[in-house]
């Protein structure tokens, strides 16, 4: 699997230098650096955004800013991305990382509980990336769906959850159980079209009807 990933990356556009720097800094300074989207998924996020040219993006789960900057690559002129991070200890690092890129002025960082912050952001979103607390994915979806334009896209990350979704409904891990419930409910949700991709740890694309 590692060899396959290396092959995929070798045949994918390189990440910009500032993203490579953020990737390295994250691995040096932050616990659980694998939470960062990384090169391959980052290029997928960037290309999807470039194809859509959204004016307004919402991200739930900033971490160190890598994915926000990937999504920002496709913003229409004058567009912006709102990104929400629950961990206030990351705020200073996020700010520093954003300044490495040409998109710092288009990224609005919110620190706090996404469930409380989402209703306060008065935007209609073209694109949403959900990568926050796995136990709250369903709540996030219900909060953002009314704020997404018809035909808009929602991306849900980690929907394979290291393959733990295959263990069965008896899982006692609350995060695994929550992802499984989210996946099951989403598969039957007639408000949206959806497709799950085996990209990295699972990426589900959701289109609002």
Foldseek 3Di string as FASTA:
>chain_A
DVVVVVVQLVPADFDDPLLVVLLVCLVVPHPPSVLACDTPSLQVLLVVLLVQQWQEEEEEACQQPNNLVSNQNNHHVNGAYEYEHADPVNVVNNLVSLVSDPCVVRYHYHYHDCLVCLVVDPAQTQEYEYSYQLLCVVVVCVSCLVSYDAFGKYKYPLLCVQVLLPVDCPDPPSSSNSSNVVVVVVVVDPQWDWDWDPDDNIMMMIGGD
